[in-house]
Amino acid sequence: MSPLSAKAAEATRPRQQEESPLRTAFQRDRDRIIHSKSFRRLKHKTQVFIGPIGDHYRTRLTHTLEMSQIARTMARALRMNEDATEAIALAHDLGHTPFGHAGEDILRRIYDPNFKHNHQSLRIVDYLANGGDGLNLTNEVREALVTSTPVEEGLSSEGMGYGSIESKLVKLADTIAYINHDTDDAIRARIISAKDLPAEVNDVLGKTNSARINTLVTDIINQNWAIAYPDVQLAAQDRKSIELKVSPHVQGPADTLKHFLYERVYIGSEAKAEVGKVDHLIETLFDYFCQHIELLPPELRDNPRYEPIERLVVDYIAGMTDRFAISTFERLFVPRSWSV
């Protein structure tokens, strides 16, 4: 492994625990994430398409698995810590709300303009998971969860900022995964066709999902190969200041594809046709549970940190799957059929 990689032997946790004789600290993080309820719920949370009819559209879980593989490939090639990279990748969307970014936007409006799903991911692993005990993940993984880049920024910005190289690889992999699989899903849904893609995307990145991913991953590995074997020894703080590069030749078409998806898929398309209903559903549930706090799960009601009721309700709603949110709304507000 590169001397710049995260070291499991140096990892620390918020609560000290006896080390495993079989698994590194980052392997234990990965296992705790995979076995958590929050991770399993990702299979019923929206990626882009709300309530699609079809088994092959991505969910938050399949997105997480796809981007995890991309991140691991880059980490292995660059001699970074693959276990740490995988743990960060698997945990990065644990805090996503039901109905994807639509649900997140609604909670920003009705609760806190600063609500972010990645900060909610940290709340889950710190406090909410495991019956309120949290997962006690390593600080290296925890810190990586709250680093984010505004969506309007280009691909290269994902490799900048302050943080471990593993966290930057995950951010790059996240963008690479979603701009490609969302393109694939949008074509499947007939919102766009392959011929609609900008010419530079096809010409530079490739004409298929796998070709585009391969082009982007290969470019990032080639551009950053030198960090695997640095000429000088760097302190831990200096390692976090290293910026990963993307060649302008590849970044341009990748950013073009990203902006194309925002214009044609993410905003105003059939993929967002149900957003108005989602807005009403989440706001109604929020108001209801704020008035009926006794209906929250016991681990939230106990409130050991003495947080406001609204914060507890947001934790509850953010943890819901799409179908649980819908069934809860129907149970509370839709009349039931009955017979004499």
C-alpha atoms as a PDB file:
ATOM      1  CA  MET A   1       0.000   0.000   0.000  1.00  0.00           C
ATOM      2  CA  SER A   2       1.007   3.575  -0.626  1.00  0.00           C
ATOM      3  CA  PRO A   3       2.453   5.481   2.339  1.00  0.00           C
ATOM      4  CA  LEU A   4      -0.302   8.041   1.665  1.00  0.00           C
ATOM      5  CA  SER A   5      -3.098   5.529   2.262  1.00  0.00           C
ATOM      6  CA  ALA A   6      -5.254   5.365   5.371  1.00  0.00           C
ATOM      7  CA  LYS A   7      -3.779   2.973   7.924  1.00  0.00           C
ATOM      8  CA  ALA A   8      -6.110   0.686   9.855  1.00  0.00           C
ATOM      9  CA  ALA A   9      -3.530   0.383  12.627  1.00  0.00           C
ATOM     10  CA  GLU A  10      -3.754   4.155  13.185  1.00  0.00           C
ATOM     11  CA  ALA A  11      -7.560   4.291  13.115  1.00  0.00           C
ATOM     12  CA  THR A  12      -9.453   5.544  16.175  1.00  0.00           C
ATOM     13  CA  ARG A  13     -13.100   5.337  17.251  1.00  0.00           C
ATOM     14  CA  PRO A  14     -15.332   7.649  19.327  1.00  0.00           C
ATOM     15  CA  ARG A  15     -15.644   4.817  21.842  1.00  0.00           C
ATOM     16  CA  GLN A  16     -12.606   2.631  22.341  1.00  0.00           C
ATOM     17  CA  GLN A  17     -13.122  -1.071  21.633  1.00  0.00           C
ATOM     18  CA  GLU A  18     -11.010  -4.172  21.717  1.00  0.00           C
ATOM     19  CA  GLU A  19      -9.559  -4.897  18.280  1.00  0.00           C
ATOM     20  CA  SER A  20     -10.555  -7.974  16.300  1.00  0.00           C
ATOM     21  CA  PRO A  21      -7.914 -10.689  15.820  1.00  0.00           C
ATOM     22  CA  LEU A  22      -9.262 -11.368  12.303  1.00  0.00           C
ATOM     23  CA  ARG A  23     -10.413  -8.096  10.779  1.00  0.00           C
ATOM     24  CA  THR A  24      -8.887  -4.641  10.447  1.00  0.00           C
ATOM     25  CA  ALA A  25     -10.704  -1.619  11.851  1.00  0.00           C
ATOM     26  CA  PHE A  26     -11.982  -0.670   8.389  1.00  0.00           C
ATOM     27  CA  GLN A  27     -13.192  -4.196   7.660  1.00  0.00           C
ATOM     28  CA  ARG A  28     -15.202  -4.048  10.873  1.00  0.00           C
ATOM     29  CA  ASP A  29     -16.655  -0.706   9.766  1.00  0.00           C
ATOM     30  CA  ARG A  30     -17.706  -2.230   6.452  1.00  0.00           C
ATOM     31  CA  ASP A  31     -19.338  -5.205   8.162  1.00  0.00           C
ATOM     32  CA  ARG A  32     -21.223  -3.033  10.646  1.00  0.00           C
ATOM     33  CA  ILE A  33     -22.598  -0.929   7.808  1.00  0.00           C
ATOM     34  CA  ILE A  34     -23.703  -3.899   5.708  1.00  0.00           C
ATOM     35  CA  HIS A  35     -25.457  -5.525   8.671  1.00  0.00           C
ATOM     36  CA  SER A  36     -27.285  -2.338   9.691  1.00  0.00           C
ATOM     37  CA  LYS A  37     -31.007  -1.786   9.105  1.00  0.00           C
ATOM     38  CA  SER A  38     -30.253   1.569   7.494  1.00  0.00           C
ATOM     39  CA  PHE A  39     -28.226  -0.160   4.791  1.00  0.00           C
ATOM     40  CA  ARG A  40     -30.976  -2.688   4.068  1.00  0.00           C
ATOM     41  CA  ARG A  41     -33.556   0.086   3.758  1.00  0.00           C
ATOM     42  CA  LEU A  42     -31.633   1.606   0.843  1.00  0.00           C
ATOM     43  CA  LYS A  43     -33.139  -1.055  -1.445  1.00  0.00           C
ATOM     44  CA  HIS A  44     -36.514   0.708  -1.163  1.00  0.00           C
ATOM     45  CA  LYS A  45     -35.314   4.305  -1.463  1.00  0.00           C
ATOM     46  CA  THR A  46     -35.454   6.289  -4.695  1.00  0.00           C
ATOM     47  CA  GLN A  47     -32.340   6.988  -6.707  1.00  0.00           C
ATOM     48  CA  VAL A  48     -33.927   9.204  -9.393  1.00  0.00           C
ATOM     49  CA  PHE A  49     -37.203   7.640 -10.499  1.00  0.00           C
ATOM     50  CA  ILE A  50     -40.047   7.821  -7.972  1.00  0.00           C
ATOM     51  CA  GLY A  51     -42.183   4.676  -7.992  1.00  0.00           C
ATOM     52  CA  PRO A  52     -41.087   3.290 -11.375  1.00  0.00           C
ATOM     53  CA  ILE A  53     -42.805   0.205 -12.772  1.00  0.00           C
ATOM     54  CA  GLY A  54     -39.927  -2.086 -13.571  1.00  0.00           C
ATOM     55  CA  ASP A  55     -37.368  -4.153 -11.714  1.00  0.00           C
ATOM     56  CA  HIS A  56     -34.245  -2.772 -13.369  1.00  0.00           C
ATOM     57  CA  TYR A  57     -34.210   0.865 -12.286  1.00  0.00           C
ATOM     58  CA  ARG A  58     -31.551   1.788  -9.766  1.00  0.00           C
ATOM     59  CA  THR A  59     -32.369   2.333  -6.113  1.00  0.00           C
ATOM     60  CA  ARG A  60     -30.131   3.880  -3.465  1.00  0.00           C
ATOM     61  CA  LEU A  61     -28.815   0.401  -2.691  1.00  0.00           C
ATOM     62  CA  THR A  62     -27.842  -0.513  -6.250  1.00  0.00           C
ATOM     63  CA  HIS A  63     -26.312   2.945  -6.695  1.00  0.00           C
ATOM     64  CA  THR A  64     -24.259   2.391  -3.533  1.00  0.00           C
ATOM     65  CA  LEU A  65     -23.047  -1.008  -4.726  1.00  0.00           C
ATOM     66  CA  GLU A  66     -22.124   0.260  -8.193  1.00  0.00           C
ATOM     67  CA  MET A  67     -20.204   3.268  -6.929  1.00  0.00           C
ATOM     68  CA  SER A  68     -18.503   1.144  -4.265  1.00  0.00           C
ATOM     69  CA  GLN A  69     -17.045  -1.092  -6.971  1.00  0.00           C
ATOM     70  CA  ILE A  70     -15.817   1.916  -8.945  1.00  0.00           C
ATOM     71  CA  ALA A  71     -14.201   3.399  -5.832  1.00  0.00           C
ATOM     72  CA  ARG A  72     -12.558   0.094  -4.919  1.00  0.00           C
ATOM     73  CA  THR A  73     -11.108  -0.282  -8.408  1.00  0.00           C
ATOM     74  CA  MET A  74      -9.462   3.136  -8.209  1.00  0.00           C
ATOM     75  CA  ALA A  75      -8.267   2.577  -4.634  1.00  0.00           C
ATOM     76  CA  ARG A  76      -6.656  -0.734  -5.515  1.00  0.00           C
ATOM     77  CA  ALA A  77      -4.918   0.659  -8.605  1.00  0.00           C
ATOM     78  CA  LEU A  78      -3.572   3.654  -6.656  1.00  0.00           C
ATOM     79  CA  ARG A  79      -2.483   1.504  -3.689  1.00  0.00           C
ATOM     80  CA  MET A  80      -4.887   3.227  -1.299  1.00  0.00           C
ATOM     81  CA  ASN A  81      -6.749   1.452   1.508  1.00  0.00           C
ATOM     82  CA  GLU A  82      -9.456  -0.518  -0.251  1.00  0.00           C
ATOM     83  CA  ASP A  83     -11.252  -1.468   2.977  1.00  0.00           C
ATOM     84  CA  ALA A  84     -11.514   2.159   4.100  1.00  0.00           C
ATOM     85  CA  THR A  85     -12.687   3.205   0.647  1.00  0.00           C
ATOM     86  CA  GLU A  86     -15.349   0.511   0.629  1.00  0.00           C
ATOM     87  CA  ALA A  87     -16.615   1.419   4.097  1.00  0.00           C
ATOM     88  CA  ILE A  88     -16.931   5.104   3.171  1.00  0.00           C
ATOM     89  CA  ALA A  89     -18.719   4.205  -0.056  1.00  0.00           C
ATOM     90  CA  LEU A  90     -21.191   1.838   1.593  1.00  0.00           C
ATOM     91  CA  ALA A  91     -22.087   4.396   4.289  1.00  0.00           C
ATOM     92  CA  HIS A  92     -22.230   7.536   2.166  1.00  0.00           C
ATOM     93  CA  ASP A  93     -25.985   7.403   1.414  1.00  0.00           C
ATOM     94  CA  LEU A  94     -27.303   5.870   4.649  1.00  0.00           C
ATOM     95  CA  GLY A  95     -28.918   9.203   5.520  1.00  0.00           C
ATOM     96  CA  HIS A  96     -30.778   9.642   2.255  1.00  0.00           C
ATOM     97  CA  THR A  97     -34.450  10.428   2.669  1.00  0.00           C
ATOM     98  CA  PRO A  98     -37.333   8.574   1.033  1.00  0.00           C
ATOM     99  CA  PHE A  99     -37.941   9.681  -2.563  1.00  0.00           C
ATOM    100  CA  GLY A 100     -34.314  10.684  -3.084  1.00  0.00           C
ATOM    101  CA  HIS A 101     -33.327  14.310  -3.434  1.00  0.00           C
ATOM    102  CA  ALA A 102     -36.998  15.316  -3.624  1.00  0.00           C
ATOM    103  CA  GLY A 103     -37.446  14.207  -0.016  1.00  0.00           C
ATOM    104  CA  GLU A 104     -34.252  15.978   1.006  1.00  0.00           C
ATOM    105  CA  ASP A 105     -35.412  19.227  -0.608  1.00  0.00           C
ATOM    106  CA  ILE A 106     -38.732  19.063   1.250  1.00  0.00           C
ATOM    107  CA  LEU A 107     -37.057  18.590   4.628  1.00  0.00           C
ATOM    108  CA  ARG A 108     -34.871  21.599   3.865  1.00  0.00           C
ATOM    109  CA  ARG A 109     -37.981  23.657   3.250  1.00  0.00           C
ATOM    110  CA  ILE A 110     -40.077  22.560   6.229  1.00  0.00           C
ATOM    111  CA  TYR A 111     -37.339  21.890   8.798  1.00  0.00           C
ATOM    112  CA  ASP A 112     -33.851  23.276   8.161  1.00  0.00           C
ATOM    113  CA  PRO A 113     -32.362  24.846   5.007  1.00  0.00           C
ATOM    114  CA  ASN A 114     -29.041  23.247   5.989  1.00  0.00           C
ATOM    115  CA  PHE A 115     -30.361  19.670   6.138  1.00  0.00           C
ATOM    116  CA  LYS A 116     -28.062  17.388   4.128  1.00  0.00           C
ATOM    117  CA  HIS A 117     -28.319  13.668   3.620  1.00  0.00           C
ATOM    118  CA  ASN A 118     -24.594  13.136   4.227  1.00  0.00           C
ATOM    119  CA  HIS A 119     -24.827  14.811   7.639  1.00  0.00           C
ATOM    120  CA  GLN A 120     -27.811  12.579   8.323  1.00  0.00           C
ATOM    121  CA  SER A 121     -25.595   9.615   7.418  1.00  0.00           C
ATOM    122  CA  LEU A 122     -23.230  10.680  10.209  1.00  0.00           C
ATOM    123  CA  ARG A 123     -26.148  10.943  12.670  1.00  0.00           C
ATOM    124  CA  ILE A 124     -27.146   7.402  11.778  1.00  0.00           C
ATOM    125  CA  VAL A 125     -23.739   5.859  12.335  1.00  0.00           C
ATOM    126  CA  ASP A 126     -23.143   7.945  15.468  1.00  0.00           C
ATOM    127  CA  TYR A 127     -26.530   7.847  17.219  1.00  0.00           C
ATOM    128  CA  LEU A 128     -29.472   6.301  15.430  1.00  0.00           C
ATOM    129  CA  ALA A 129     -28.381   2.877  14.186  1.00  0.00           C
ATOM    130  CA  ASN A 130     -28.296  -0.245  16.326  1.00  0.00           C
ATOM    131  CA  GLY A 131     -31.226   0.716  18.501  1.00  0.00           C
ATOM    132  CA  GLY A 132     -29.805   4.132  19.345  1.00  0.00           C
ATOM    133  CA  ASP A 133     -26.251   2.999  20.127  1.00  0.00           C
ATOM    134  CA  GLY A 134     -24.818   3.875  16.708  1.00  0.00           C
ATOM    135  CA  LEU A 135     -22.190   1.848  14.884  1.00  0.00           C
ATOM    136  CA  ASN A 136     -19.100   3.382  16.497  1.00  0.00           C
ATOM    137  CA  LEU A 137     -17.303   3.580  13.152  1.00  0.00           C
ATOM    138  CA  THR A 138     -13.716   4.767  12.909  1.00  0.00           C
ATOM    139  CA  ASN A 139     -13.198   8.508  12.904  1.00  0.00           C
ATOM    140  CA  GLU A 140     -11.533   8.193   9.486  1.00  0.00           C
ATOM    141  CA  VAL A 141     -14.774   6.873   7.963  1.00  0.00           C
ATOM    142  CA  ARG A 142     -16.993   9.211   9.980  1.00  0.00           C
ATOM    143  CA  GLU A 143     -15.100  12.311   8.841  1.00  0.00           C
ATOM    144  CA  ALA A 144     -15.344  11.242   5.213  1.00  0.00           C
ATOM    145  CA  LEU A 145     -19.157  11.154   5.359  1.00  0.00           C
ATOM    146  CA  VAL A 146     -19.564  14.891   5.877  1.00  0.00           C
ATOM    147  CA  THR A 147     -17.297  16.063   3.069  1.00  0.00           C
ATOM    148  CA  SER A 148     -19.386  17.053   0.067  1.00  0.00           C
ATOM    149  CA  THR A 149     -19.171  19.081  -3.123  1.00  0.00           C
ATOM    150  CA  PRO A 150     -21.984  21.288  -4.500  1.00  0.00           C
ATOM    151  CA  VAL A 151     -23.740  19.556  -7.389  1.00  0.00           C
ATOM    152  CA  GLU A 152     -23.028  22.422  -9.759  1.00  0.00           C
ATOM    153  CA  GLU A 153     -19.290  21.912  -9.419  1.00  0.00           C
ATOM    154  CA  GLY A 154     -17.345  19.923 -12.015  1.00  0.00           C
ATOM    155  CA  LEU A 155     -15.954  16.408 -11.707  1.00  0.00           C
ATOM    156  CA  SER A 156     -12.453  17.568 -10.780  1.00  0.00           C
ATOM    157  CA  SER A 157     -13.783  19.405  -7.711  1.00  0.00           C
ATOM    158  CA  GLU A 158     -14.679  16.011  -6.216  1.00  0.00           C
ATOM    159  CA  GLY A 159     -10.971  15.280  -5.889  1.00  0.00           C
ATOM    160  CA  MET A 160     -10.172  18.585  -4.179  1.00  0.00           C
ATOM    161  CA  GLY A 161     -10.696  19.963  -0.702  1.00  0.00           C
ATOM    162  CA  TYR A 162      -9.527  18.613   2.620  1.00  0.00           C
ATOM    163  CA  GLY A 163      -9.851  14.937   3.452  1.00  0.00           C
ATOM    164  CA  SER A 164      -8.345  11.525   2.978  1.00  0.00           C
ATOM    165  CA  ILE A 165      -7.503  10.303  -0.491  1.00  0.00           C
ATOM    166  CA  GLU A 166      -9.954   7.465   0.073  1.00  0.00           C
ATOM    167  CA  SER A 167     -12.783   9.948   0.702  1.00  0.00           C
ATOM    168  CA  LYS A 168     -11.943  11.832  -2.492  1.00  0.00           C
ATOM    169  CA  LEU A 169     -11.939   8.606  -4.500  1.00  0.00           C
ATOM    170  CA  VAL A 170     -15.419   7.870  -3.155  1.00  0.00           C
ATOM    171  CA  LYS A 171     -16.676  11.302  -4.190  1.00  0.00           C
ATOM    172  CA  LEU A 172     -15.263  10.834  -7.680  1.00  0.00           C
ATOM    173  CA  ALA A 173     -16.791   7.357  -7.873  1.00  0.00           C
ATOM    174  CA  ASP A 174     -20.159   8.710  -6.733  1.00  0.00           C
ATOM    175  CA  THR A 175     -20.324  11.150  -9.627  1.00  0.00           C
ATOM    176  CA  ILE A 176     -18.991   8.624 -12.144  1.00  0.00           C
ATOM    177  CA  ALA A 177     -21.633   6.111 -11.038  1.00  0.00           C
ATOM    178  CA  TYR A 178     -24.679   8.353 -11.053  1.00  0.00           C
ATOM    179  CA  ILE A 179     -24.047  10.249 -14.292  1.00  0.00           C
ATOM    180  CA  ASN A 180     -23.755   6.906 -16.050  1.00  0.00           C
ATOM    181  CA  HIS A 181     -26.422   4.779 -14.422  1.00  0.00           C
ATOM    182  CA  ASP A 182     -28.897   7.675 -14.408  1.00  0.00           C
ATOM    183  CA  THR A 183     -28.276   7.999 -18.145  1.00  0.00           C
ATOM    184  CA  ASP A 184     -28.945   4.285 -18.512  1.00  0.00           C
ATOM    185  CA  ASP A 185     -32.173   4.499 -16.487  1.00  0.00           C
ATOM    186  CA  ALA A 186     -33.375   7.601 -18.342  1.00  0.00           C
ATOM    187  CA  ILE A 187     -32.900   5.814 -21.660  1.00  0.00           C
ATOM    188  CA  ARG A 188     -34.747   2.770 -20.285  1.00  0.00           C
ATOM    189  CA  ALA A 189     -37.607   5.072 -19.219  1.00  0.00           C
ATOM    190  CA  ARG A 190     -37.599   6.698 -22.700  1.00  0.00           C
ATOM    191  CA  ILE A 191     -37.131  10.143 -21.205  1.00  0.00           C
ATOM    192  CA  ILE A 192     -34.099  10.491 -23.462  1.00  0.00           C
ATOM    193  CA  SER A 193     -32.585   8.342 -26.170  1.00  0.00           C
ATOM    194  CA  ALA A 194     -28.971   7.444 -26.791  1.00  0.00           C
ATOM    195  CA  LYS A 195     -28.883   9.772 -29.788  1.00  0.00           C
ATOM    196  CA  ASP A 196     -29.802  12.726 -27.522  1.00  0.00           C
ATOM    197  CA  LEU A 197     -26.502  12.539 -25.657  1.00  0.00           C
ATOM    198  CA  PRO A 198     -24.072  15.354 -26.502  1.00  0.00           C
ATOM    199  CA  ALA A 199     -21.644  14.379 -29.258  1.00  0.00           C
ATOM    200  CA  GLU A 200     -18.556  15.002 -27.110  1.00  0.00           C
ATOM    201  CA  VAL A 201     -19.853  12.512 -24.528  1.00  0.00           C
ATOM    202  CA  ASN A 202     -20.069   9.738 -27.098  1.00  0.00           C
ATOM    203  CA  ASP A 203     -16.870  10.732 -28.879  1.00  0.00           C
ATOM    204  CA  VAL A 204     -14.636  11.059 -25.810  1.00  0.00           C
ATOM    205  CA  LEU A 205     -16.180   8.953 -23.044  1.00  0.00           C
ATOM    206  CA  GLY A 206     -17.787   6.230 -25.126  1.00  0.00           C
ATOM    207  CA  LYS A 207     -21.157   5.160 -26.447  1.00  0.00           C
ATOM    208  CA  THR A 208     -22.084   2.728 -23.681  1.00  0.00           C
ATOM    209  CA  ASN A 209     -22.409   2.868 -19.912  1.00  0.00           C
ATOM    210  CA  SER A 210     -19.468   0.519 -19.337  1.00  0.00           C
ATOM    211  CA  ALA A 211     -17.275   2.313 -21.876  1.00  0.00           C
ATOM    212  CA  ARG A 212     -17.863   5.685 -20.222  1.00  0.00           C
ATOM    213  CA  ILE A 213     -17.119   4.346 -16.751  1.00  0.00           C
ATOM    214  CA  ASN A 214     -13.954   2.671 -18.008  1.00  0.00           C
ATOM    215  CA  THR A 215     -12.766   5.892 -19.660  1.00  0.00           C
ATOM    216  CA  LEU A 216     -13.314   7.963 -16.520  1.00  0.00           C
ATOM    217  CA  VAL A 217     -11.797   5.444 -14.111  1.00  0.00           C
ATOM    218  CA  THR A 218      -8.773   4.847 -16.324  1.00  0.00           C
ATOM    219  CA  ASP A 219      -8.169   8.573 -16.680  1.00  0.00           C
ATOM    220  CA  ILE A 220      -8.273   9.187 -12.923  1.00  0.00           C
ATOM    221  CA  ILE A 221      -5.870   6.314 -12.267  1.00  0.00           C
ATOM    222  CA  ASN A 222      -3.459   7.525 -14.951  1.00  0.00           C
ATOM    223  CA  GLN A 223      -3.634  11.148 -13.795  1.00  0.00           C
ATOM    224  CA  ASN A 224      -2.923  10.268 -10.172  1.00  0.00           C
ATOM    225  CA  TRP A 225      -0.559   7.331 -10.439  1.00  0.00           C
ATOM    226  CA  ALA A 226       2.282   9.290  -8.843  1.00  0.00           C
ATOM    227  CA  ILE A 227       0.510   9.483  -5.479  1.00  0.00           C
ATOM    228  CA  ALA A 228       0.872   5.720  -5.079  1.00  0.00           C
ATOM    229  CA  TYR A 229       4.646   6.163  -4.810  1.00  0.00           C
ATOM    230  CA  PRO A 230       5.347   9.729  -3.588  1.00  0.00           C
ATOM    231  CA  ASP A 231       8.869  11.143  -3.732  1.00  0.00           C
ATOM    232  CA  VAL A 232       8.667  12.565  -0.217  1.00  0.00           C
ATOM    233  CA  GLN A 233       7.169  11.427   3.049  1.00  0.00           C
ATOM    234  CA  LEU A 234       4.158  13.489   4.100  1.00  0.00           C
ATOM    235  CA  ALA A 235       2.607  13.988   7.510  1.00  0.00           C
ATOM    236  CA  ALA A 236      -0.986  12.883   8.053  1.00  0.00           C
ATOM    237  CA  GLN A 237      -2.263  16.459   7.794  1.00  0.00           C
ATOM    238  CA  ASP A 238      -0.442  17.017   4.508  1.00  0.00           C
ATOM    239  CA  ARG A 239      -1.886  13.810   3.043  1.00  0.00           C
ATOM    240  CA  LYS A 240      -5.379  15.269   3.432  1.00  0.00           C
ATOM    241  CA  SER A 241      -4.450  18.274   1.304  1.00  0.00           C
ATOM    242  CA  ILE A 242      -3.521  16.233  -1.777  1.00  0.00           C
ATOM    243  CA  GLU A 243      -5.816  16.947  -4.707  1.00  0.00           C
ATOM    244  CA  LEU A 244      -6.742  14.257  -7.201  1.00  0.00           C
ATOM    245  CA  LYS A 245      -6.666  15.209 -10.865  1.00  0.00           C
ATOM    246  CA  VAL A 246      -8.924  14.601 -13.842  1.00  0.00           C
ATOM    247  CA  SER A 247      -7.612  15.438 -17.301  1.00  0.00           C
ATOM    248  CA  PRO A 248      -9.404  18.407 -18.952  1.00  0.00           C
ATOM    249  CA  HIS A 249      -9.954  16.212 -22.031  1.00  0.00           C
ATOM    250  CA  VAL A 250     -12.149  13.855 -19.980  1.00  0.00           C
ATOM    251  CA  GLN A 251     -13.554  16.252 -17.400  1.00  0.00           C
ATOM    252  CA  GLY A 252     -15.215  18.448 -20.051  1.00  0.00           C
ATOM    253  CA  PRO A 253     -17.469  15.714 -21.501  1.00  0.00           C
ATOM    254  CA  ALA A 254     -18.194  14.334 -17.997  1.00  0.00           C
ATOM    255  CA  ASP A 255     -19.390  17.756 -16.838  1.00  0.00           C
ATOM    256  CA  THR A 256     -21.373  18.137 -20.054  1.00  0.00           C
ATOM    257  CA  LEU A 257     -23.160  14.847 -19.334  1.00  0.00           C
ATOM    258  CA  LYS A 258     -23.849  15.924 -15.760  1.00  0.00           C
ATOM    259  CA  HIS A 259     -25.426  19.215 -16.852  1.00  0.00           C
ATOM    260  CA  PHE A 260     -27.342  17.441 -19.631  1.00  0.00           C
ATOM    261  CA  LEU A 261     -28.951  15.166 -17.019  1.00  0.00           C
ATOM    262  CA  TYR A 262     -29.931  18.121 -14.850  1.00  0.00           C
ATOM    263  CA  GLU A 263     -31.609  19.814 -17.796  1.00  0.00           C
ATOM    264  CA  ARG A 264     -33.302  16.771 -19.318  1.00  0.00           C
ATOM    265  CA  VAL A 265     -33.862  14.298 -16.458  1.00  0.00           C
ATOM    266  CA  TYR A 266     -33.453  15.689 -12.950  1.00  0.00           C
ATOM    267  CA  ILE A 267     -35.582  18.816 -13.414  1.00  0.00           C
ATOM    268  CA  GLY A 268     -39.070  18.790 -14.905  1.00  0.00           C
ATOM    269  CA  SER A 269     -39.047  15.398 -16.619  1.00  0.00           C
ATOM    270  CA  GLU A 270     -41.367  12.418 -16.117  1.00  0.00           C
ATOM    271  CA  ALA A 271     -38.863  11.216 -13.514  1.00  0.00           C
ATOM    272  CA  LYS A 272     -40.056  14.059 -11.273  1.00  0.00           C
ATOM    273  CA  ALA A 273     -43.782  13.870 -12.086  1.00  0.00           C
ATOM    274  CA  GLU A 274     -44.705  12.753  -8.548  1.00  0.00           C
ATOM    275  CA  VAL A 275     -42.667  15.346  -6.662  1.00  0.00           C
ATOM    276  CA  GLY A 276     -45.714  17.454  -5.802  1.00  0.00           C
ATOM    277  CA  LYS A 277     -47.387  14.476  -4.159  1.00  0.00           C
ATOM    278  CA  VAL A 278     -44.175  13.641  -2.291  1.00  0.00           C
ATOM    279  CA  ASP A 279     -44.043  17.215  -1.008  1.00  0.00           C
ATOM    280  CA  HIS A 280     -47.564  16.929   0.404  1.00  0.00           C
ATOM    281  CA  LEU A 281     -46.925  13.462   1.864  1.00  0.00           C
ATOM    282  CA  ILE A 282     -43.746  14.355   3.755  1.00  0.00           C
ATOM    283  CA  GLU A 283     -45.015  17.698   5.015  1.00  0.00           C
ATOM    284  CA  THR A 284     -48.216  16.060   6.262  1.00  0.00           C
ATOM    285  CA  LEU A 285     -46.292  13.300   8.061  1.00  0.00           C
ATOM    286  CA  PHE A 286     -43.951  15.863   9.586  1.00  0.00           C
ATOM    287  CA  ASP A 287     -46.806  17.938  10.993  1.00  0.00           C
ATOM    288  CA  TYR A 288     -48.639  14.853  12.263  1.00  0.00           C
ATOM    289  CA  PHE A 289     -45.724  13.282  14.127  1.00  0.00           C
ATOM    290  CA  CYS A 290     -44.715  16.612  15.644  1.00  0.00           C
ATOM    291  CA  GLN A 291     -48.182  16.564  17.245  1.00  0.00           C
ATOM    292  CA  HIS A 292     -48.031  12.844  18.117  1.00  0.00           C
ATOM    293  CA  ILE A 293     -44.510  12.303  19.377  1.00  0.00           C
ATOM    294  CA  GLU A 294     -45.717   9.259  21.331  1.00  0.00           C
ATOM    295  CA  LEU A 295     -45.991   7.345  18.049  1.00  0.00           C
ATOM    296  CA  LEU A 296     -42.258   7.544  17.307  1.00  0.00           C
ATOM    297  CA  PRO A 297     -40.093   4.463  17.946  1.00  0.00           C
ATOM    298  CA  PRO A 298     -38.942   4.179  21.583  1.00  0.00           C
ATOM    299  CA  GLU A 299     -35.259   4.749  20.767  1.00  0.00           C
ATOM    300  CA  LEU A 300     -36.173   8.144  19.279  1.00  0.00           C
ATOM    301  CA  ARG A 301     -38.696   9.043  22.002  1.00  0.00           C
ATOM    302  CA  ASP A 302     -36.135   8.419  24.731  1.00  0.00           C
ATOM    303  CA  ASN A 303     -34.179  11.386  23.325  1.00  0.00           C
ATOM    304  CA  PRO A 304     -30.977  11.015  25.388  1.00  0.00           C
ATOM    305  CA  ARG A 305     -29.504  14.166  23.794  1.00  0.00           C
ATOM    306  CA  TYR A 306     -32.583  16.298  24.689  1.00  0.00           C
ATOM    307  CA  GLU A 307     -33.074  17.449  21.113  1.00  0.00           C
ATOM    308  CA  PRO A 308     -36.152  19.318  19.808  1.00  0.00           C
ATOM    309  CA  ILE A 309     -39.167  17.253  18.793  1.00  0.00           C
ATOM    310  CA  GLU A 310     -38.780  18.411  15.190  1.00  0.00           C
ATOM    311  CA  ARG A 311     -35.278  16.931  15.059  1.00  0.00           C
ATOM    312  CA  LEU A 312     -36.586  13.543  16.206  1.00  0.00           C
ATOM    313  CA  VAL A 313     -39.393  13.585  13.646  1.00  0.00           C
ATOM    314  CA  VAL A 314     -36.938  14.381  10.864  1.00  0.00           C
ATOM    315  CA  ASP A 315     -34.801  11.436  11.969  1.00  0.00           C
ATOM    316  CA  TYR A 316     -37.876   9.209  11.758  1.00  0.00           C
ATOM    317  CA  ILE A 317     -39.026  10.458   8.360  1.00  0.00           C
ATOM    318  CA  ALA A 318     -35.530  10.503   6.838  1.00  0.00           C
ATOM    319  CA  GLY A 319     -35.122   6.861   7.818  1.00  0.00           C
ATOM    320  CA  MET A 320     -38.315   5.768   6.055  1.00  0.00           C
ATOM    321  CA  THR A 321     -38.307   3.868   2.790  1.00  0.00           C
ATOM    322  CA  ASP A 322     -40.514   5.126  -0.027  1.00  0.00           C
ATOM    323  CA  ARG A 323     -43.089   2.391   0.503  1.00  0.00           C
ATOM    324  CA  PHE A 324     -43.150   2.749   4.302  1.00  0.00           C
ATOM    325  CA  ALA A 325     -43.739   6.505   3.967  1.00  0.00           C
ATOM    326  CA  ILE A 326     -46.599   5.841   1.532  1.00  0.00           C
ATOM    327  CA  SER A 327     -48.154   3.098   3.672  1.00  0.00           C
ATOM    328  CA  THR A 328     -47.879   5.288   6.802  1.00  0.00           C
ATOM    329  CA  PHE A 329     -49.611   8.158   5.013  1.00  0.00           C
ATOM    330  CA  GLU A 330     -52.350   5.829   3.767  1.00  0.00           C
ATOM    331  CA  ARG A 331     -52.853   4.335   7.230  1.00  0.00           C
ATOM    332  CA  LEU A 332     -53.177   7.749   8.841  1.00  0.00           C
ATOM    333  CA  PHE A 333     -55.016   9.781   6.220  1.00  0.00           C
ATOM    334  CA  VAL A 334     -56.745   7.547   3.642  1.00  0.00           C
ATOM    335  CA  PRO A 335     -60.134   6.036   4.584  1.00  0.00           C
ATOM    336  CA  ARG A 336     -60.198   2.251   4.746  1.00  0.00           C
ATOM    337  CA  SER A 337     -62.782   0.057   3.078  1.00  0.00           C
ATOM    338  CA  TRP A 338     -65.027  -1.950   5.378  1.00  0.00           C
ATOM    339  CA  SER A 339     -68.059  -4.175   5.170  1.00  0.00           C
ATOM    340  CA  VAL A 340     -70.943  -4.973   7.504  1.00  0.00           C
END
